Protein backbone atom coordinates (compact mmCIF):
# COMPACT_ATOMS: atom_id res chain seq x y z
CA MET A 1 1.50 -28.12 17.76
CA HIS A 2 3.23 -26.10 15.05
CA VAL A 3 4.82 -22.83 16.21
CA HIS A 4 5.14 -20.13 13.56
CA MET A 5 8.49 -18.37 13.70
CA PRO A 6 8.48 -14.63 13.03
CA THR A 7 9.41 -13.63 9.50
CA PRO A 8 12.80 -11.94 9.00
CA ARG A 9 10.92 -8.73 8.20
CA ALA A 10 8.89 -8.84 11.42
CA ALA A 11 11.84 -9.83 13.58
CA GLY A 12 14.06 -7.20 11.99
CA LEU A 13 11.51 -4.43 12.52
CA LEU A 14 11.12 -5.36 16.18
CA LEU A 15 14.87 -5.57 16.80
CA GLY A 16 15.48 -2.30 14.98
CA TYR A 17 12.76 -0.54 16.96
CA LEU A 18 14.24 -1.85 20.22
CA GLY A 19 17.69 -0.75 19.03
CA ASP A 20 16.43 2.79 18.50
CA LEU A 21 14.88 2.78 21.98
CA ALA A 22 18.13 1.59 23.50
CA PHE A 23 20.72 3.56 21.54
CA GLY A 24 19.08 6.32 19.50
CA ASP A 25 21.02 7.85 16.63
CA PRO A 26 24.80 7.48 16.48
CA ARG A 27 26.69 10.71 17.10
CA ARG A 28 29.02 10.04 14.17
CA GLY A 29 28.78 8.16 10.92
CA HIS A 30 24.99 8.06 10.69
CA PRO A 31 23.91 6.37 7.41
CA VAL A 32 21.24 9.03 6.82
CA ALA A 33 23.90 11.73 7.08
CA GLY A 34 25.95 9.80 4.52
CA PHE A 35 22.96 9.72 2.19
CA GLY A 36 22.56 13.47 2.69
CA SER A 37 26.18 14.07 1.71
CA ALA A 38 25.73 11.98 -1.42
CA ALA A 39 22.54 13.90 -2.24
CA MET A 40 24.40 17.21 -1.98
CA LEU A 41 27.05 15.93 -4.36
CA VAL A 42 24.43 14.82 -6.89
CA GLU A 43 22.62 18.13 -6.50
CA SER A 44 25.80 20.03 -7.35
CA GLN A 45 25.82 18.24 -10.71
CA LEU A 46 22.09 18.24 -11.51
CA TYR A 47 20.75 21.46 -10.02
CA ALA A 48 18.71 23.71 -12.23
CA ASP A 49 15.85 26.00 -11.30
CA ARG A 50 13.30 23.72 -12.95
CA ARG A 51 10.94 20.95 -11.83
CA PRO A 52 12.27 18.34 -14.30
CA ALA A 53 15.79 18.72 -12.87
CA GLY A 54 14.48 18.19 -9.34
CA THR A 55 12.41 15.22 -10.47
CA LEU A 56 15.50 13.63 -12.03
CA HIS A 57 17.46 14.32 -8.84
CA VAL A 58 14.85 12.62 -6.64
CA GLY A 59 14.24 9.77 -9.07
CA LEU A 60 17.93 8.95 -9.32
CA LEU A 61 18.65 9.00 -5.58
CA VAL A 62 15.48 7.24 -4.49
CA GLY A 63 15.67 4.75 -7.34
CA LEU A 64 19.23 3.75 -6.48
CA THR A 65 18.37 3.48 -2.78
CA VAL A 66 15.29 1.32 -3.35
CA GLY A 67 17.18 -0.74 -5.92
CA ALA A 68 19.94 -1.44 -3.40
CA GLY A 69 17.31 -2.57 -0.90
CA VAL A 70 15.65 -4.88 -3.43
CA ALA A 71 18.99 -6.38 -4.46
CA ALA A 72 20.06 -6.99 -0.86
CA ASP A 73 16.69 -8.52 0.01
CA ARG A 74 16.91 -10.94 -2.93
CA GLN A 75 20.50 -11.90 -2.23
CA LEU A 76 19.62 -12.85 1.33
CA ARG A 77 16.33 -14.59 0.58
CA GLN A 78 17.81 -17.96 1.54
CA HIS A 79 19.54 -16.55 4.62
CA PRO A 80 16.82 -15.53 7.09
CA MET A 81 19.20 -14.67 9.91
CA LEU A 82 21.15 -12.27 7.72
CA ARG A 83 17.92 -10.77 6.34
CA THR A 84 16.73 -10.23 9.89
CA ALA A 85 20.01 -8.58 10.88
CA LEU A 86 20.05 -6.29 7.84
CA THR A 87 16.40 -5.32 8.33
CA ALA A 88 17.10 -4.60 12.00
CA ALA A 89 20.10 -2.42 11.12
CA ALA A 90 18.11 -0.51 8.51
CA THR A 91 15.16 -0.04 10.89
CA TRP A 92 17.44 1.28 13.60
CA ALA A 93 19.12 3.63 11.11
CA VAL A 94 15.91 5.17 9.76
CA LEU A 95 13.98 5.51 13.04
CA GLY A 96 14.37 8.69 15.07
CA GLY A 97 12.07 8.22 18.06
CA ARG A 98 14.57 8.27 20.90
CA SER A 99 16.52 11.21 19.49
CA LEU A 100 13.31 13.19 18.89
CA GLN A 101 12.14 12.64 22.45
CA ALA A 102 15.59 13.45 23.89
CA GLU A 103 15.73 16.76 22.00
CA ALA A 104 12.24 17.68 23.17
CA ARG A 105 13.01 16.80 26.79
CA THR A 106 16.14 18.96 26.63
CA VAL A 107 14.04 21.93 25.48
CA ALA A 108 11.49 21.25 28.22
CA GLY A 109 14.23 21.15 30.86
CA GLN A 110 15.64 24.46 29.69
CA LEU A 111 12.19 26.04 29.82
CA ASP A 112 11.61 24.56 33.28
CA ARG A 113 14.81 26.29 34.44
CA GLY A 114 13.84 29.56 32.78
CA ASP A 115 16.85 29.41 30.43
CA LEU A 116 15.13 30.98 27.41
CA ALA A 117 18.38 31.68 25.55
CA ALA A 118 19.42 28.01 25.63
CA ALA A 119 15.91 26.87 24.67
CA ARG A 120 15.94 29.20 21.65
CA VAL A 121 19.15 27.57 20.44
CA GLN A 122 17.98 24.03 21.20
CA ILE A 123 14.63 24.38 19.43
CA THR A 124 16.46 24.98 16.15
CA HIS A 125 17.36 21.26 16.24
CA LEU A 126 13.65 20.52 15.80
CA VAL A 127 12.08 23.39 13.84
CA GLY A 128 13.04 25.82 11.10
CA ARG A 129 11.15 28.85 12.41
CA ASN A 130 13.01 31.94 13.62
CA PRO A 131 13.75 31.37 17.35
CA ASP A 132 14.56 35.01 18.11
CA THR A 133 10.86 35.92 18.03
CA LEU A 134 9.79 33.04 20.31
CA ASP A 135 8.99 33.45 23.98
CA ALA A 136 8.70 30.47 26.36
CA ALA A 137 5.13 29.76 25.25
CA GLY A 138 6.13 29.94 21.59
CA ILE A 139 9.01 27.54 22.14
CA ALA A 140 6.74 25.11 24.00
CA ARG A 141 4.22 25.24 21.15
CA ALA A 142 6.93 24.77 18.53
CA CYS A 143 8.31 21.79 20.43
CA VAL A 144 4.95 20.06 20.84
CA GLU A 145 4.17 20.59 17.14
CA SER A 146 7.55 19.19 16.13
CA VAL A 147 7.11 16.15 18.37
CA ALA A 148 3.72 15.53 16.76
CA GLU A 149 4.88 15.89 13.16
CA ASN A 150 8.07 13.92 13.64
CA THR A 151 6.32 11.11 15.47
CA SER A 152 4.63 10.46 12.14
CA ASP A 153 7.64 11.21 9.93
CA ALA A 154 10.45 9.63 11.96
CA VAL A 155 8.67 6.76 13.69
CA VAL A 156 5.33 5.71 12.22
CA GLY A 157 6.27 6.32 8.57
CA PRO A 158 9.38 4.11 8.59
CA LEU A 159 7.58 1.36 10.52
CA PHE A 160 4.63 1.49 8.13
CA TRP A 161 6.71 1.23 4.97
CA GLY A 162 9.01 -1.34 6.56
CA ALA A 163 6.01 -3.54 7.33
CA VAL A 164 4.51 -3.09 3.86
CA ALA A 165 7.63 -3.22 1.70
CA GLY A 166 10.48 -4.51 3.89
CA LEU A 167 14.04 -3.32 3.40
CA PRO A 168 13.32 -1.37 0.16
CA GLY A 169 10.42 0.35 1.91
CA LEU A 170 12.55 1.37 4.88
CA LEU A 171 15.37 2.75 2.75
CA GLY A 172 13.15 4.37 0.14
CA TYR A 173 10.95 6.12 2.68
CA ARG A 174 13.92 7.57 4.56
CA ALA A 175 15.54 8.68 1.29
CA VAL A 176 12.41 10.61 0.28
CA ASN A 177 11.95 12.06 3.76
CA THR A 178 15.58 13.21 3.87
CA LEU A 179 15.37 14.82 0.45
CA ASP A 180 12.19 16.62 1.48
CA ALA A 181 13.98 18.00 4.54
CA MET A 182 16.91 19.10 2.38
CA ILE A 183 15.19 20.62 -0.66
CA GLY A 184 11.43 20.35 -0.12
CA HIS A 185 10.96 23.73 1.57
CA ARG A 186 9.73 26.70 -0.44
CA SER A 187 12.89 28.79 -0.57
CA GLU A 188 13.84 30.74 -3.67
CA ARG A 189 16.44 28.11 -4.61
CA TYR A 190 14.20 25.07 -4.13
CA LEU A 191 10.73 26.33 -5.09
CA ARG A 192 10.90 24.38 -8.37
CA PHE A 193 13.88 22.05 -7.89
CA GLY A 194 12.45 20.74 -4.60
CA TRP A 195 8.89 20.30 -5.85
CA ALA A 196 9.17 16.58 -6.62
CA ALA A 197 10.74 15.77 -3.24
CA ALA A 198 8.00 17.62 -1.37
CA ARG A 199 5.15 16.06 -3.34
CA LEU A 200 6.54 12.52 -3.11
CA ASP A 201 7.01 12.93 0.64
CA ASP A 202 3.38 14.07 0.89
CA VAL A 203 2.19 10.97 -0.98
CA LEU A 204 4.25 8.53 1.10
CA ASN A 205 3.00 10.04 4.36
CA VAL A 206 -0.73 10.03 3.64
CA LEU A 207 -1.35 6.62 5.19
CA PRO A 208 1.24 6.80 8.02
CA SER A 209 -0.10 10.18 9.15
CA ARG A 210 -3.67 8.86 9.26
CA LEU A 211 -2.51 5.81 11.19
CA THR A 212 -0.80 8.18 13.62
CA VAL A 213 -4.05 10.10 14.06
CA LEU A 214 -5.99 6.92 14.85
CA VAL A 215 -3.41 5.68 17.35
CA VAL A 216 -3.19 9.11 19.04
CA ALA A 217 -6.98 9.13 19.37
CA LEU A 218 -6.90 5.61 20.81
CA LEU A 219 -4.29 6.67 23.38
CA ALA A 220 -5.93 10.00 24.25
CA PRO A 221 -7.45 8.74 27.53
CA VAL A 222 -3.96 7.95 28.85
CA LEU A 223 -3.17 11.68 28.65
CA GLY A 224 -6.57 12.83 29.88
CA GLY A 225 -8.18 13.28 26.46
CA ARG A 226 -11.09 11.62 24.68
CA PRO A 227 -10.88 9.66 21.42
CA TRP A 228 -13.98 11.09 19.73
CA GLN A 229 -13.09 14.64 20.78
CA THR A 230 -9.62 14.14 19.29
CA LEU A 231 -11.05 12.90 15.99
CA ARG A 232 -13.58 15.75 15.93
CA ILE A 233 -10.80 18.31 16.25
CA VAL A 234 -8.83 16.62 13.46
CA SER A 235 -11.89 16.65 11.21
CA ARG A 236 -12.61 20.31 11.96
CA ASP A 237 -9.15 21.89 12.15
CA ALA A 238 -6.60 19.85 10.16
CA ARG A 239 -7.60 21.37 6.81
CA HIS A 240 -6.54 24.84 8.00
CA HIS A 241 -2.91 23.68 8.20
CA PRO A 242 -0.89 24.07 4.96
CA SER A 243 0.53 20.54 5.21
CA PRO A 244 -1.86 17.70 4.27
CA ASN A 245 -0.12 15.32 6.67
CA ALA A 246 1.30 17.45 9.49
CA GLY A 247 -2.08 19.15 9.89
CA PRO A 248 -4.01 16.01 10.93
CA VAL A 249 -1.21 14.80 13.21
CA GLU A 250 -0.74 18.14 14.99
CA ALA A 251 -4.51 18.50 15.35
CA ALA A 252 -4.66 15.00 16.87
CA PHE A 253 -1.97 15.86 19.44
CA ALA A 254 -3.82 19.10 20.22
CA GLY A 255 -7.02 17.15 20.81
CA ALA A 256 -5.47 14.35 22.85
CA LEU A 257 -3.49 16.78 25.05
CA ASP A 258 -6.32 19.35 25.25
CA LEU A 259 -4.14 22.14 23.84
CA THR A 260 -4.34 24.78 21.14
CA LEU A 261 -1.59 24.53 18.54
CA GLY A 262 -1.00 26.24 15.21
CA GLY A 263 -0.87 29.96 14.57
CA VAL A 264 1.54 32.21 12.68
CA ASN A 265 5.16 31.11 12.26
CA THR A 266 8.12 33.01 10.80
CA TYR A 267 10.68 31.18 8.64
CA GLY A 268 13.32 33.70 7.65
CA ALA A 269 11.48 36.13 5.38
CA THR A 270 8.44 33.83 5.05
CA VAL A 271 5.41 34.12 7.33
CA GLU A 272 3.06 31.12 7.42
CA ASP A 273 -0.37 30.85 9.05
CA ARG A 274 -1.03 27.29 10.22
CA GLY A 275 -4.53 27.99 11.46
CA THR A 276 -5.83 27.16 14.93
CA LEU A 277 -5.73 23.51 16.00
CA GLY A 278 -7.65 22.44 19.09
CA ASP A 279 -9.83 23.94 21.82
CA GLY A 280 -7.54 23.85 24.86
CA ARG A 281 -5.08 26.22 26.43
CA ALA A 282 -1.72 27.27 25.01
CA PRO A 283 1.12 24.78 25.64
CA LEU A 284 3.27 25.11 28.74
CA PRO A 285 6.73 23.58 29.30
CA GLN A 286 5.19 20.59 31.11
CA ASP A 287 3.12 19.85 28.01
CA VAL A 288 6.34 19.06 26.13
CA HIS A 289 6.85 16.18 28.57
CA ARG A 290 3.26 15.02 27.96
CA ALA A 291 3.79 15.20 24.19
CA THR A 292 6.99 13.13 24.36
CA ARG A 293 5.17 10.53 26.45
CA LEU A 294 2.40 10.38 23.86
CA SER A 295 4.99 10.10 21.09
CA ALA A 296 6.68 7.16 22.82
CA LEU A 297 3.35 5.38 23.30
CA VAL A 298 2.39 5.92 19.65
CA GLY A 299 5.74 4.47 18.59
CA ALA A 300 5.26 1.38 20.75
CA VAL A 301 1.75 0.72 19.43
CA CYS A 302 2.79 1.24 15.81
CA ALA A 303 5.82 -1.02 16.26
CA GLY A 304 3.44 -3.73 17.43
CA ILE A 305 1.17 -3.15 14.44
CA ALA A 306 4.15 -3.27 12.08
CA VAL A 307 5.37 -6.57 13.52
CA ILE A 308 1.89 -8.09 13.18
CA VAL A 309 1.50 -6.89 9.59
CA ALA A 310 5.00 -8.06 8.63
CA GLY A 311 4.72 -11.35 10.47
CA PRO A 312 1.63 -13.56 10.89
CA VAL A 313 -0.58 -11.52 8.54
CA ARG A 314 2.02 -11.54 5.79
CA SER A 315 2.67 -15.25 6.27
CA LEU A 316 -1.06 -15.96 5.96
CA VAL A 317 -1.29 -13.96 2.74
CA ASN A 318 1.74 -15.75 1.31
CA ARG A 319 0.23 -19.18 2.10
CA ARG A 320 -3.06 -18.27 0.42
CA THR A 321 -1.34 -16.98 -2.70
């Protein structure tokens, strides 16, 4: 009987996912923070209030990051243990599941204690909206929405691209996602310069966000929801959200948790209407705990899918080709 060993990609993804569960993000010296510092330095040299300048900025940083991943992958092709270790390290570095859930639970605990001032400060770690205008219900809603969106961006997206494209996929996806967070918002400075980062992030998240929706719907009964009801709400409400990827994911969480999300948010001088997502009641502090549980379950299921895609399925395709 021949036993198929897991591929370095599959083993690395699994080990990296388990590493994130166990350790979360490092408090100092995070590789993503290092990339952000490098991006700021490049921006200081390339910035101009034009789309071509922003496109060059993104192309250069993402191209170099993906190129480094390709080169490392090729160098270690004959060293499966080292490839596994490097893939595991990269997976751990780009995932943010444990840190996301820890931040959300901290907010929920502050709301449980009635410490609104602390919760207003803490929620700024997760969202960009003005916290001074948020009451306890607004903070709970903001937290659930952030958990939903970042489950796709910080967990499912990296696992998806790691399974499909290995080390270059992991590094490239996180590079784009980081640049979008840095310059992709519609401020006066980045309206044109950040256009390419925002659009590329949208493209890379189309499939991961839809996978997130399907897994959330599948898991809905665990949280008291119904799969078809969840998908119906996504189909009906997601298009009212300004983001093509956050909209479906937030609508799915609203459906699975039987909540109403969305509404009007204030970001500095900008007011944004995200529509109404769902048919349930407004979120309460305890719903943040339910959302973090759903996020953790989605991450576990998608890690399993990623390992399967990167392992036996990929090996079968390689043998046939």
